[in-house]
C-alpha atoms as a PDB file:
ATOM      1  CA  UNK A   1       8.994 -19.858  -6.907  1.00  0.00           C
ATOM      2  CA  UNK A   2       5.932 -22.171  -6.919  1.00  0.00           C
ATOM      3  CA  UNK A   3       4.377 -23.248  -3.674  1.00  0.00           C
ATOM      4  CA  UNK A   4       2.336 -26.501  -3.461  1.00  0.00           C
ATOM      5  CA  UNK A   5      -1.382 -26.038  -2.833  1.00  0.00           C
ATOM      6  CA  UNK A   6      -1.271 -27.758   0.541  1.00  0.00           C
ATOM      7  CA  UNK A   7       1.862 -25.982   1.765  1.00  0.00           C
ATOM      8  CA  UNK A   8       1.458 -22.959   4.026  1.00  0.00           C
ATOM      9  CA  UNK A   9       3.303 -19.769   3.044  1.00  0.00           C
ATOM     10  CA  UNK A  10       6.130 -19.241   5.519  1.00  0.00           C
ATOM     11  CA  UNK A  11       6.525 -15.487   6.066  1.00  0.00           C
ATOM     12  CA  UNK A  12       9.506 -13.512   7.362  1.00  0.00           C
ATOM     13  CA  UNK A  13       9.093  -9.930   8.506  1.00  0.00           C
ATOM     14  CA  UNK A  14      11.675  -7.190   8.117  1.00  0.00           C
ATOM     15  CA  UNK A  15      10.890  -4.550  10.695  1.00  0.00           C
ATOM     16  CA  UNK A  16       9.173  -4.660  14.102  1.00  0.00           C
ATOM     17  CA  UNK A  17       7.052  -1.461  14.111  1.00  0.00           C
ATOM     18  CA  UNK A  18       3.356  -0.899  14.309  1.00  0.00           C
ATOM     19  CA  UNK A  19       2.509  -2.009  10.763  1.00  0.00           C
ATOM     20  CA  UNK A  20       4.562  -5.182  11.252  1.00  0.00           C
ATOM     21  CA  UNK A  21       2.595  -5.984  14.398  1.00  0.00           C
ATOM     22  CA  UNK A  22      -0.690  -5.360  12.649  1.00  0.00           C
ATOM     23  CA  UNK A  23       0.412  -7.686   9.805  1.00  0.00           C
ATOM     24  CA  UNK A  24       1.340 -10.406  12.280  1.00  0.00           C
ATOM     25  CA  UNK A  25      -2.014 -10.173  14.142  1.00  0.00           C
ATOM     26  CA  UNK A  26      -4.022 -10.288  10.921  1.00  0.00           C
ATOM     27  CA  UNK A  27      -1.948 -13.081   9.373  1.00  0.00           C
ATOM     28  CA  UNK A  28      -3.025 -15.299  12.237  1.00  0.00           C
ATOM     29  CA  UNK A  29      -6.458 -15.334  10.636  1.00  0.00           C
ATOM     30  CA  UNK A  30      -5.136 -16.961   7.483  1.00  0.00           C
ATOM     31  CA  UNK A  31      -5.224 -20.797   7.695  1.00  0.00           C
ATOM     32  CA  UNK A  32      -2.586 -21.320   5.051  1.00  0.00           C
ATOM     33  CA  UNK A  33       0.104 -18.777   6.155  1.00  0.00           C
ATOM     34  CA  UNK A  34       2.352 -18.318   9.169  1.00  0.00           C
ATOM     35  CA  UNK A  35       5.136 -16.044  10.305  1.00  0.00           C
ATOM     36  CA  UNK A  36       8.250 -18.127  10.953  1.00  0.00           C
ATOM     37  CA  UNK A  37      10.931 -15.465  11.197  1.00  0.00           C
ATOM     38  CA  UNK A  38      11.522 -11.784  12.067  1.00  0.00           C
ATOM     39  CA  UNK A  39      14.468  -9.563  11.346  1.00  0.00           C
ATOM     40  CA  UNK A  40      15.401  -6.469  13.371  1.00  0.00           C
ATOM     41  CA  UNK A  41      18.487  -4.279  13.674  1.00  0.00           C
ATOM     42  CA  UNK A  42      19.082  -5.707  17.080  1.00  0.00           C
ATOM     43  CA  UNK A  43      18.654  -9.068  18.767  1.00  0.00           C
ATOM     44  CA  UNK A  44      16.681  -7.500  21.451  1.00  0.00           C
ATOM     45  CA  UNK A  45      14.188  -6.044  19.040  1.00  0.00           C
ATOM     46  CA  UNK A  46      13.853  -9.324  17.162  1.00  0.00           C
ATOM     47  CA  UNK A  47      13.379 -11.236  20.475  1.00  0.00           C
ATOM     48  CA  UNK A  48      10.755  -8.859  21.752  1.00  0.00           C
ATOM     49  CA  UNK A  49       8.667  -9.113  18.576  1.00  0.00           C
ATOM     50  CA  UNK A  50       9.097 -12.862  18.273  1.00  0.00           C
ATOM     51  CA  UNK A  51       8.040 -13.337  21.872  1.00  0.00           C
ATOM     52  CA  UNK A  52       4.912 -11.198  21.296  1.00  0.00           C
ATOM     53  CA  UNK A  53       3.872 -13.285  18.310  1.00  0.00           C
ATOM     54  CA  UNK A  54       5.357 -16.740  19.025  1.00  0.00           C
ATOM     55  CA  UNK A  55       7.854 -16.616  16.138  1.00  0.00           C
ATOM     56  CA  UNK A  56      10.604 -19.160  16.166  1.00  0.00           C
ATOM     57  CA  UNK A  57      13.426 -17.583  14.085  1.00  0.00           C
ATOM     58  CA  UNK A  58      14.812 -14.303  15.516  1.00  0.00           C
ATOM     59  CA  UNK A  59      17.447 -12.508  13.430  1.00  0.00           C
ATOM     60  CA  UNK A  60      19.529  -9.538  14.595  1.00  0.00           C
ATOM     61  CA  UNK A  61      19.879  -8.246  10.993  1.00  0.00           C
ATOM     62  CA  UNK A  62      17.784  -7.892   7.921  1.00  0.00           C
ATOM     63  CA  UNK A  63      20.420  -9.742   5.889  1.00  0.00           C
ATOM     64  CA  UNK A  64      20.073 -12.849   8.123  1.00  0.00           C
ATOM     65  CA  UNK A  65      16.285 -12.757   7.785  1.00  0.00           C
ATOM     66  CA  UNK A  66      16.560 -12.605   4.022  1.00  0.00           C
ATOM     67  CA  UNK A  67      18.882 -15.572   3.939  1.00  0.00           C
ATOM     68  CA  UNK A  68      16.751 -17.791   6.273  1.00  0.00           C
ATOM     69  CA  UNK A  69      16.036 -20.989   4.293  1.00  0.00           C
ATOM     70  CA  UNK A  70      12.767 -21.547   6.130  1.00  0.00           C
ATOM     71  CA  UNK A  71      11.240 -18.278   4.706  1.00  0.00           C
ATOM     72  CA  UNK A  72       9.205 -18.392   1.442  1.00  0.00           C
ATOM     73  CA  UNK A  73       8.040 -14.732   1.468  1.00  0.00           C
ATOM     74  CA  UNK A  74       9.267 -11.515   3.027  1.00  0.00           C
ATOM     75  CA  UNK A  75       7.152  -8.628   4.191  1.00  0.00           C
ATOM     76  CA  UNK A  76       9.191  -5.349   4.192  1.00  0.00           C
ATOM     77  CA  UNK A  77       7.696  -3.175   6.983  1.00  0.00           C
ATOM     78  CA  UNK A  78      10.399  -0.607   7.566  1.00  0.00           C
ATOM     79  CA  UNK A  79      10.072   3.126   6.801  1.00  0.00           C
ATOM     80  CA  UNK A  80       9.884   3.787   3.068  1.00  0.00           C
ATOM     81  CA  UNK A  81      13.354   5.291   2.527  1.00  0.00           C
ATOM     82  CA  UNK A  82      14.569   1.804   3.591  1.00  0.00           C
ATOM     83  CA  UNK A  83      12.268  -0.198   1.251  1.00  0.00           C
ATOM     84  CA  UNK A  84      14.693  -0.336  -1.664  1.00  0.00           C
ATOM     85  CA  UNK A  85      17.622  -1.709   0.226  1.00  0.00           C
ATOM     86  CA  UNK A  86      15.572  -4.049   2.379  1.00  0.00           C
ATOM     87  CA  UNK A  87      13.607  -5.460  -0.536  1.00  0.00           C
ATOM     88  CA  UNK A  88      16.770  -5.974  -2.557  1.00  0.00           C
ATOM     89  CA  UNK A  89      18.170  -8.245   0.216  1.00  0.00           C
ATOM     90  CA  UNK A  90      15.127 -10.451  -0.027  1.00  0.00           C
ATOM     91  CA  UNK A  91      14.997 -10.396  -3.855  1.00  0.00           C
ATOM     92  CA  UNK A  92      18.615 -11.365  -4.158  1.00  0.00           C
ATOM     93  CA  UNK A  93      18.000 -14.237  -1.711  1.00  0.00           C
ATOM     94  CA  UNK A  94      15.313 -15.540  -4.066  1.00  0.00           C
ATOM     95  CA  UNK A  95      12.377 -14.803  -1.765  1.00  0.00           C
ATOM     96  CA  UNK A  96       8.923 -13.599  -2.735  1.00  0.00           C
ATOM     97  CA  UNK A  97       8.579 -10.004  -1.501  1.00  0.00           C
ATOM     98  CA  UNK A  98       5.641  -7.843  -0.358  1.00  0.00           C
ATOM     99  CA  UNK A  99       6.795  -4.224   0.121  1.00  0.00           C
ATOM    100  CA  UNK A 100       4.798  -1.894   2.333  1.00  0.00           C
ATOM    101  CA  UNK A 101       3.399   1.148   0.641  1.00  0.00           C
ATOM    102  CA  UNK A 102       4.594   3.504  -0.642  1.00  0.00           C
ATOM    103  CA  UNK A 103       6.677   1.020  -2.524  1.00  0.00           C
ATOM    104  CA  UNK A 104       9.797   3.159  -2.517  1.00  0.00           C
ATOM    105  CA  UNK A 105      10.822   6.741  -2.096  1.00  0.00           C
ATOM    106  CA  UNK A 106      10.673   7.470  -5.808  1.00  0.00           C
ATOM    107  CA  UNK A 107      10.088   5.911  -9.259  1.00  0.00           C
ATOM    108  CA  UNK A 108      13.766   5.279  -9.920  1.00  0.00           C
ATOM    109  CA  UNK A 109      14.021   3.030  -6.828  1.00  0.00           C
ATOM    110  CA  UNK A 110      10.760   1.320  -7.798  1.00  0.00           C
ATOM    111  CA  UNK A 111      12.108   0.532 -11.232  1.00  0.00           C
ATOM    112  CA  UNK A 112      15.287  -0.881  -9.709  1.00  0.00           C
ATOM    113  CA  UNK A 113      13.343  -3.297  -7.551  1.00  0.00           C
ATOM    114  CA  UNK A 114      11.129  -4.423 -10.411  1.00  0.00           C
ATOM    115  CA  UNK A 115      14.068  -4.970 -12.628  1.00  0.00           C
ATOM    116  CA  UNK A 116      15.891  -6.899  -9.900  1.00  0.00           C
ATOM    117  CA  UNK A 117      12.864  -9.188  -9.325  1.00  0.00           C
ATOM    118  CA  UNK A 118      12.490  -9.821 -13.076  1.00  0.00           C
ATOM    119  CA  UNK A 119      16.169 -10.753 -13.300  1.00  0.00           C
ATOM    120  CA  UNK A 120      15.949 -13.039 -10.288  1.00  0.00           C
ATOM    121  CA  UNK A 121      12.567 -14.451 -11.338  1.00  0.00           C
ATOM    122  CA  UNK A 122      11.051 -13.807  -7.960  1.00  0.00           C
ATOM    123  CA  UNK A 123       7.573 -12.565  -6.929  1.00  0.00           C
ATOM    124  CA  UNK A 124       7.272  -8.819  -6.057  1.00  0.00           C
ATOM    125  CA  UNK A 125       4.222  -6.799  -5.052  1.00  0.00           C
ATOM    126  CA  UNK A 126       3.391  -3.512  -3.361  1.00  0.00           C
ATOM    127  CA  UNK A 127       1.476  -3.959  -0.179  1.00  0.00           C
ATOM    128  CA  UNK A 128      -1.455  -1.639  -1.027  1.00  0.00           C
ATOM    129  CA  UNK A 129      -3.715  -3.676   1.195  1.00  0.00           C
ATOM    130  CA  UNK A 130      -6.859  -1.615   0.360  1.00  0.00           C
ATOM    131  CA  UNK A 131      -6.829  -3.159  -3.144  1.00  0.00           C
ATOM    132  CA  UNK A 132      -7.662  -6.568  -1.691  1.00  0.00           C
ATOM    133  CA  UNK A 133     -10.325  -5.762   0.843  1.00  0.00           C
ATOM    134  CA  UNK A 134     -13.740  -7.394   0.295  1.00  0.00           C
ATOM    135  CA  UNK A 135     -15.645  -4.110  -0.120  1.00  0.00           C
ATOM    136  CA  UNK A 136     -13.103  -2.921  -2.777  1.00  0.00           C
ATOM    137  CA  UNK A 137     -13.229  -6.293  -4.532  1.00  0.00           C
ATOM    138  CA  UNK A 138     -17.086  -5.870  -4.642  1.00  0.00           C
ATOM    139  CA  UNK A 139     -16.766  -2.294  -5.967  1.00  0.00           C
ATOM    140  CA  UNK A 140     -14.567  -3.512  -8.777  1.00  0.00           C
ATOM    141  CA  UNK A 141     -17.117  -6.152  -9.676  1.00  0.00           C
ATOM    142  CA  UNK A 142     -19.964  -3.620  -9.715  1.00  0.00           C
ATOM    143  CA  UNK A 143     -17.952  -1.228 -11.983  1.00  0.00           C
ATOM    144  CA  UNK A 144     -17.005  -4.103 -14.310  1.00  0.00           C
ATOM    145  CA  UNK A 145     -20.760  -5.098 -14.509  1.00  0.00           C
ATOM    146  CA  UNK A 146     -21.626  -1.618 -15.602  1.00  0.00           C
ATOM    147  CA  UNK A 147     -23.625  -0.713 -12.497  1.00  0.00           C
ATOM    148  CA  UNK A 148     -22.384   2.881 -12.451  1.00  0.00           C
ATOM    149  CA  UNK A 149     -22.297   3.353 -16.258  1.00  0.00           C
ATOM    150  CA  UNK A 150     -19.264   5.210 -17.652  1.00  0.00           C
ATOM    151  CA  UNK A 151     -17.038   6.374 -14.928  1.00  0.00           C
ATOM    152  CA  UNK A 152     -16.270  10.133 -14.942  1.00  0.00           C
ATOM    153  CA  UNK A 153     -14.636  11.104 -11.659  1.00  0.00           C
ATOM    154  CA  UNK A 154     -13.481  10.247  -8.237  1.00  0.00           C
ATOM    155  CA  UNK A 155     -12.956  12.230  -5.013  1.00  0.00           C
ATOM    156  CA  UNK A 156     -11.170  10.888  -1.902  1.00  0.00           C
ATOM    157  CA  UNK A 157      -9.474  12.303   1.093  1.00  0.00           C
ATOM    158  CA  UNK A 158      -7.123  10.903   3.751  1.00  0.00           C
ATOM    159  CA  UNK A 159      -6.404  13.212   6.731  1.00  0.00           C
ATOM    160  CA  UNK A 160      -5.145  12.464  10.173  1.00  0.00           C
ATOM    161  CA  UNK A 161      -4.170  14.830  12.976  1.00  0.00           C
ATOM    162  CA  UNK A 162      -0.677  14.539  14.379  1.00  0.00           C
ATOM    163  CA  UNK A 163       0.896  16.795  17.048  1.00  0.00           C
ATOM    164  CA  UNK A 164       3.548  18.980  15.601  1.00  0.00           C
ATOM    165  CA  UNK A 165       6.698  17.174  16.506  1.00  0.00           C
ATOM    166  CA  UNK A 166       9.728  17.533  14.251  1.00  0.00           C
ATOM    167  CA  UNK A 167      11.187  14.212  15.536  1.00  0.00           C
ATOM    168  CA  UNK A 168       8.064  12.175  14.708  1.00  0.00           C
ATOM    169  CA  UNK A 169       8.563  10.205  11.471  1.00  0.00           C
ATOM    170  CA  UNK A 170       5.727  11.863   9.578  1.00  0.00           C
ATOM    171  CA  UNK A 171       7.441  15.214   9.978  1.00  0.00           C
ATOM    172  CA  UNK A 172      11.039  13.918   9.447  1.00  0.00           C
ATOM    173  CA  UNK A 173      12.437  14.482   5.959  1.00  0.00           C
ATOM    174  CA  UNK A 174      15.083  11.832   6.443  1.00  0.00           C
ATOM    175  CA  UNK A 175      12.310   9.276   7.006  1.00  0.00           C
ATOM    176  CA  UNK A 176      10.350  10.280   3.888  1.00  0.00           C
ATOM    177  CA  UNK A 177       7.911  12.248   6.051  1.00  0.00           C
ATOM    178  CA  UNK A 178       4.902  14.358   4.917  1.00  0.00           C
ATOM    179  CA  UNK A 179       1.305  13.666   4.146  1.00  0.00           C
ATOM    180  CA  UNK A 180       1.740  12.713   0.474  1.00  0.00           C
ATOM    181  CA  UNK A 181       3.723   9.476   0.649  1.00  0.00           C
ATOM    182  CA  UNK A 182       2.285   8.120   3.909  1.00  0.00           C
ATOM    183  CA  UNK A 183      -1.423   9.149   3.646  1.00  0.00           C
ATOM    184  CA  UNK A 184      -1.902  10.535   0.186  1.00  0.00           C
ATOM    185  CA  UNK A 185      -0.803   7.268  -1.424  1.00  0.00           C
ATOM    186  CA  UNK A 186      -4.240   5.813  -0.455  1.00  0.00           C
ATOM    187  CA  UNK A 187      -6.500   8.131  -2.525  1.00  0.00           C
ATOM    188  CA  UNK A 188      -3.938   8.320  -5.313  1.00  0.00           C
ATOM    189  CA  UNK A 189      -3.595   4.547  -5.580  1.00  0.00           C
ATOM    190  CA  UNK A 190      -7.404   4.266  -5.476  1.00  0.00           C
ATOM    191  CA  UNK A 191      -7.650   6.668  -8.414  1.00  0.00           C
ATOM    192  CA  UNK A 192      -5.065   4.580 -10.288  1.00  0.00           C
ATOM    193  CA  UNK A 193      -7.196   1.452  -9.750  1.00  0.00           C
ATOM    194  CA  UNK A 194     -10.156   3.163 -11.339  1.00  0.00           C
ATOM    195  CA  UNK A 195      -8.581   5.215 -14.128  1.00  0.00           C
ATOM    196  CA  UNK A 196      -5.010   4.126 -14.686  1.00  0.00           C
ATOM    197  CA  UNK A 197      -2.148   6.545 -15.431  1.00  0.00           C
ATOM    198  CA  UNK A 198      -3.031  10.226 -15.571  1.00  0.00           C
ATOM    199  CA  UNK A 199      -2.421  12.432 -18.575  1.00  0.00           C
ATOM    200  CA  UNK A 200      -2.104  15.632 -16.402  1.00  0.00           C
ATOM    201  CA  UNK A 201      -1.022  16.181 -12.851  1.00  0.00           C
ATOM    202  CA  UNK A 202      -1.844  19.362 -10.892  1.00  0.00           C
ATOM    203  CA  UNK A 203      -0.837  19.681  -7.291  1.00  0.00           C
ATOM    204  CA  UNK A 204      -0.780  22.347  -4.529  1.00  0.00           C
ATOM    205  CA  UNK A 205       0.611  22.050  -1.037  1.00  0.00           C
ATOM    206  CA  UNK A 206       1.461  23.777   2.162  1.00  0.00           C
ATOM    207  CA  UNK A 207       4.538  22.814   4.191  1.00  0.00           C
ATOM    208  CA  UNK A 208       5.038  21.681   7.776  1.00  0.00           C
ATOM    209  CA  UNK A 209       7.688  23.177  10.047  1.00  0.00           C
ATOM    210  CA  UNK A 210      10.283  20.699   8.818  1.00  0.00           C
ATOM    211  CA  UNK A 211       9.745  21.357   5.062  1.00  0.00           C
ATOM    212  CA  UNK A 212       7.694  18.205   4.344  1.00  0.00           C
ATOM    213  CA  UNK A 213       4.141  18.660   3.066  1.00  0.00           C
ATOM    214  CA  UNK A 214       1.526  19.284   5.661  1.00  0.00           C
ATOM    215  CA  UNK A 215      -1.469  19.400   3.288  1.00  0.00           C
ATOM    216  CA  UNK A 216      -1.558  18.474  -0.394  1.00  0.00           C
ATOM    217  CA  UNK A 217      -4.347  18.453  -3.025  1.00  0.00           C
ATOM    218  CA  UNK A 218      -3.873  16.716  -6.301  1.00  0.00           C
ATOM    219  CA  UNK A 219      -6.133  16.887  -9.451  1.00  0.00           C
ATOM    220  CA  UNK A 220      -5.462  14.200 -11.972  1.00  0.00           C
ATOM    221  CA  UNK A 221      -6.860  14.245 -15.543  1.00  0.00           C
ATOM    222  CA  UNK A 222      -7.197  11.196 -17.734  1.00  0.00           C
ATOM    223  CA  UNK A 223      -7.879  10.372 -21.405  1.00  0.00           C
ATOM    224  CA  UNK A 224     -11.522  10.970 -22.188  1.00  0.00           C
ATOM    225  CA  UNK A 225     -12.072  13.860 -19.818  1.00  0.00           C
ATOM    226  CA  UNK A 226     -12.117  11.923 -16.586  1.00  0.00           C
ATOM    227  CA  UNK A 227     -10.814  13.456 -13.387  1.00  0.00           C
ATOM    228  CA  UNK A 228      -9.866  12.506  -9.826  1.00  0.00           C
ATOM    229  CA  UNK A 229      -9.462  14.822  -6.863  1.00  0.00           C
ATOM    230  CA  UNK A 230      -7.245  13.626  -3.884  1.00  0.00           C
ATOM    231  CA  UNK A 231      -6.579  15.494  -0.660  1.00  0.00           C
ATOM    232  CA  UNK A 232      -4.337  14.547   2.244  1.00  0.00           C
ATOM    233  CA  UNK A 233      -3.292  16.292   5.398  1.00  0.00           C
ATOM    234  CA  UNK A 234      -1.359  15.750   8.654  1.00  0.00           C
ATOM    235  CA  UNK A 235      -3.231  18.602  10.336  1.00  0.00           C
ATOM    236  CA  UNK A 236      -6.817  17.441  10.622  1.00  0.00           C
ATOM    237  CA  UNK A 237      -8.807  14.206  10.816  1.00  0.00           C
ATOM    238  CA  UNK A 238     -10.953  14.494   7.699  1.00  0.00           C
ATOM    239  CA  UNK A 239     -13.964  12.358   6.788  1.00  0.00           C
ATOM    240  CA  UNK A 240     -11.796   9.898   4.953  1.00  0.00           C
ATOM    241  CA  UNK A 241     -14.556   9.202   2.450  1.00  0.00           C
ATOM    242  CA  UNK A 242     -14.394   8.373  -1.221  1.00  0.00           C
ATOM    243  CA  UNK A 243     -16.898   8.824  -4.026  1.00  0.00           C
ATOM    244  CA  UNK A 244     -16.800   7.110  -7.436  1.00  0.00           C
ATOM    245  CA  UNK A 245     -19.071   8.812  -9.939  1.00  0.00           C
ATOM    246  CA  UNK A 246     -20.458   7.318 -13.068  1.00  0.00           C
ATOM    247  CA  UNK A 247     -23.028   8.576 -15.569  1.00  0.00           C
ATOM    248  CA  UNK A 248     -25.779   6.264 -14.170  1.00  0.00           C
ATOM    249  CA  UNK A 249     -24.886   6.028 -10.457  1.00  0.00           C
ATOM    250  CA  UNK A 250     -22.246   6.750  -7.871  1.00  0.00           C
ATOM    251  CA  UNK A 251     -20.683   4.827  -5.048  1.00  0.00           C
ATOM    252  CA  UNK A 252     -20.228   6.571  -1.734  1.00  0.00           C
ATOM    253  CA  UNK A 253     -17.647   4.700   0.466  1.00  0.00           C
ATOM    254  CA  UNK A 254     -18.042   5.388   4.209  1.00  0.00           C
ATOM    255  CA  UNK A 255     -15.152   6.465   6.265  1.00  0.00           C
ATOM    256  CA  UNK A 256     -12.504   5.132   6.543  1.00  0.00           C
ATOM    257  CA  UNK A 257     -12.672   4.288   2.833  1.00  0.00           C
ATOM    258  CA  UNK A 258      -9.335   2.460   2.659  1.00  0.00           C
ATOM    259  CA  UNK A 259     -10.152   0.093   5.577  1.00  0.00           C
ATOM    260  CA  UNK A 260     -12.913  -2.516   5.823  1.00  0.00           C
ATOM    261  CA  UNK A 261     -16.093  -0.507   5.648  1.00  0.00           C
ATOM    262  CA  UNK A 262     -19.551  -0.156   4.025  1.00  0.00           C
ATOM    263  CA  UNK A 263     -20.759   1.760   0.974  1.00  0.00           C
ATOM    264  CA  UNK A 264     -23.817   2.896  -0.865  1.00  0.00           C
ATOM    265  CA  UNK A 265     -24.825   2.840  -4.552  1.00  0.00           C
ATOM    266  CA  UNK A 266     -26.903   5.933  -5.355  1.00  0.00           C
ATOM    267  CA  UNK A 267     -28.735   6.143  -8.736  1.00  0.00           C
ATOM    268  CA  UNK A 268     -29.325   9.363 -10.641  1.00  0.00           C
ATOM    269  CA  UNK A 269     -32.847   9.480  -9.297  1.00  0.00           C
ATOM    270  CA  UNK A 270     -31.571   9.179  -5.664  1.00  0.00           C
ATOM    271  CA  UNK A 271     -32.526   5.514  -5.133  1.00  0.00           C
ATOM    272  CA  UNK A 272     -29.959   4.080  -2.640  1.00  0.00           C
ATOM    273  CA  UNK A 273     -28.704   0.581  -2.075  1.00  0.00           C
ATOM    274  CA  UNK A 274     -26.559  -0.145   1.067  1.00  0.00           C
ATOM    275  CA  UNK A 275     -23.823  -2.703   0.833  1.00  0.00           C
ATOM    276  CA  UNK A 276     -22.401  -4.251   4.014  1.00  0.00           C
ATOM    277  CA  UNK A 277     -19.789  -7.043   3.987  1.00  0.00           C
ATOM    278  CA  UNK A 278     -18.958  -8.801   7.242  1.00  0.00           C
ATOM    279  CA  UNK A 279     -15.303  -8.585   8.078  1.00  0.00           C
ATOM    280  CA  UNK A 280     -12.976  -9.939  10.767  1.00  0.00           C
ATOM    281  CA  UNK A 281      -9.575  -8.420  11.591  1.00  0.00           C
ATOM    282  CA  UNK A 282      -7.776  -5.358  10.333  1.00  0.00           C
ATOM    283  CA  UNK A 283      -7.486  -6.396   6.705  1.00  0.00           C
ATOM    284  CA  UNK A 284      -3.819  -6.842   6.022  1.00  0.00           C
ATOM    285  CA  UNK A 285      -4.201 -10.555   5.594  1.00  0.00           C
ATOM    286  CA  UNK A 286      -6.004 -10.151   2.226  1.00  0.00           C
ATOM    287  CA  UNK A 287      -2.844  -8.956   0.503  1.00  0.00           C
ATOM    288  CA  UNK A 288      -0.917 -11.888   2.031  1.00  0.00           C
ATOM    289  CA  UNK A 289      -3.587 -14.196   0.712  1.00  0.00           C
ATOM    290  CA  UNK A 290      -3.010 -12.702  -2.760  1.00  0.00           C
ATOM    291  CA  UNK A 291       0.650 -13.389  -2.441  1.00  0.00           C
ATOM    292  CA  UNK A 292      -0.096 -17.010  -1.535  1.00  0.00           C
ATOM    293  CA  UNK A 293      -2.503 -17.357  -4.404  1.00  0.00           C
ATOM    294  CA  UNK A 294       0.072 -16.038  -6.865  1.00  0.00           C
ATOM    295  CA  UNK A 295       2.893 -18.220  -5.544  1.00  0.00           C
ATOM    296  CA  UNK A 296       0.760 -21.322  -5.775  1.00  0.00           C
ATOM    297  CA  UNK A 297      -0.158 -20.385  -9.372  1.00  0.00           C
ATOM    298  CA  UNK A 298       3.587 -19.831 -10.239  1.00  0.00           C
ATOM    299  CA  UNK A 299       3.092 -16.101 -10.863  1.00  0.00           C
ATOM    300  CA  UNK A 300       5.849 -13.516 -10.242  1.00  0.00           C
ATOM    301  CA  UNK A 301       3.385 -10.564  -9.934  1.00  0.00           C
ATOM    302  CA  UNK A 302      -0.209  -9.892  -9.026  1.00  0.00           C
ATOM    303  CA  UNK A 303      -2.743  -8.996 -11.720  1.00  0.00           C
ATOM    304  CA  UNK A 304      -4.620  -7.055  -9.130  1.00  0.00           C
ATOM    305  CA  UNK A 305      -1.606  -4.896  -8.064  1.00  0.00           C
ATOM    306  CA  UNK A 306       0.758  -5.298 -11.011  1.00  0.00           C
ATOM    307  CA  UNK A 307       4.306  -3.879 -10.963  1.00  0.00           C
ATOM    308  CA  UNK A 308       3.749  -1.500 -13.976  1.00  0.00           C
ATOM    309  CA  UNK A 309       0.921   0.199 -12.025  1.00  0.00           C
ATOM    310  CA  UNK A 310       3.043   0.491  -8.899  1.00  0.00           C
ATOM    311  CA  UNK A 311       5.731   2.187 -11.080  1.00  0.00           C
ATOM    312  CA  UNK A 312       3.113   4.507 -12.622  1.00  0.00           C
ATOM    313  CA  UNK A 313       1.868   5.528  -9.201  1.00  0.00           C
ATOM    314  CA  UNK A 314       5.430   6.300  -8.102  1.00  0.00           C
ATOM    315  CA  UNK A 315       5.868   8.379 -11.242  1.00  0.00           C
ATOM    316  CA  UNK A 316       2.754  10.382 -10.331  1.00  0.00           C
ATOM    317  CA  UNK A 317       4.083  10.887  -6.783  1.00  0.00           C
ATOM    318  CA  UNK A 318       7.389  12.077  -8.229  1.00  0.00           C
ATOM    319  CA  UNK A 319       5.582  14.662 -10.402  1.00  0.00           C
ATOM    320  CA  UNK A 320       3.452  15.857  -7.449  1.00  0.00           C
ATOM    321  CA  UNK A 321       6.644  16.288  -5.372  1.00  0.00           C
ATOM    322  CA  UNK A 322       8.294  18.099  -8.210  1.00  0.00           C
ATOM    323  CA  UNK A 323       5.420  20.577  -8.400  1.00  0.00           C
ATOM    324  CA  UNK A 324       5.258  21.196  -4.653  1.00  0.00           C
ATOM    325  CA  UNK A 325       9.064  21.236  -4.177  1.00  0.00           C
ATOM    326  CA  UNK A 326       9.391  18.229  -1.901  1.00  0.00           C
ATOM    327  CA  UNK A 327      12.726  16.434  -2.121  1.00  0.00           C
ATOM    328  CA  UNK A 328      14.214  13.995   0.471  1.00  0.00           C
ATOM    329  CA  UNK A 329      17.814  13.963   1.693  1.00  0.00           C
ATOM    330  CA  UNK A 330      18.067  10.274   0.960  1.00  0.00           C
ATOM    331  CA  UNK A 331      17.619  10.965  -2.789  1.00  0.00           C
ATOM    332  CA  UNK A 332      20.687  11.271  -4.853  1.00  0.00           C
END
């Protein structure tokens, strides 16, 4: 599906939770995009969200949202065990689709979505919004220019504190709960951006009271002796920093590394350069801008967040879960 350069991207949103609301607020900062429709499992839910964000089309089912002829692109913002089914609705309706991270519950479901999009000829991308933030774009530019020299390692953590409540989604196995898929996806995707697919995966974990992972540490090794260390937890609010280490210099990204923030370039001799990039809003609009750029260029996937990389990340997550013994009841 190609969109004319002067035509705004008309978005439909599946789901009305917190991330959908954040997306709606941030999308208002994009001059060439608008939310025209929302789908919920109830008319009351759709109406409440639509009233909040002045959305015209209010659908009481995800199927109706996917079929809406006024929608160009669909943002799937439901819990990740629902991503496969919800995204398939939009793909089969011929819509461009942006699927909230983690892309699916496992690699098999990810491959199914990718195959369906290729068959249908529709655009599909994982909503790893960090990949498109201005400070991360600048970091990729610095690395490509050789500022750090040869990259050798990365360390990153994502830890948040949540009260121990077995009914809360992050502790609920039926909702894909645990630290790994919801929080750990950030450092692991960041490592993938830097180093690609790992050659070796080593993971350790401790469980929460419901059997999902409470804390998980993952060491990835790559061709050429490079390494990344990722840590995630539901039990403590960690520094949420990231460090990218090259032979000539390193980049220290201030907390919270996966949101709009600042960073420093530190040479081997200790010389430090601070980088601050002005930013407005939460940051989710940048991934929507990428979808718009790709659609106007007639692309069916983003070169910045390609489908093959999304599948590779899901395969890494599968292997981590295999090692720590984490399986979800929704998996066959």
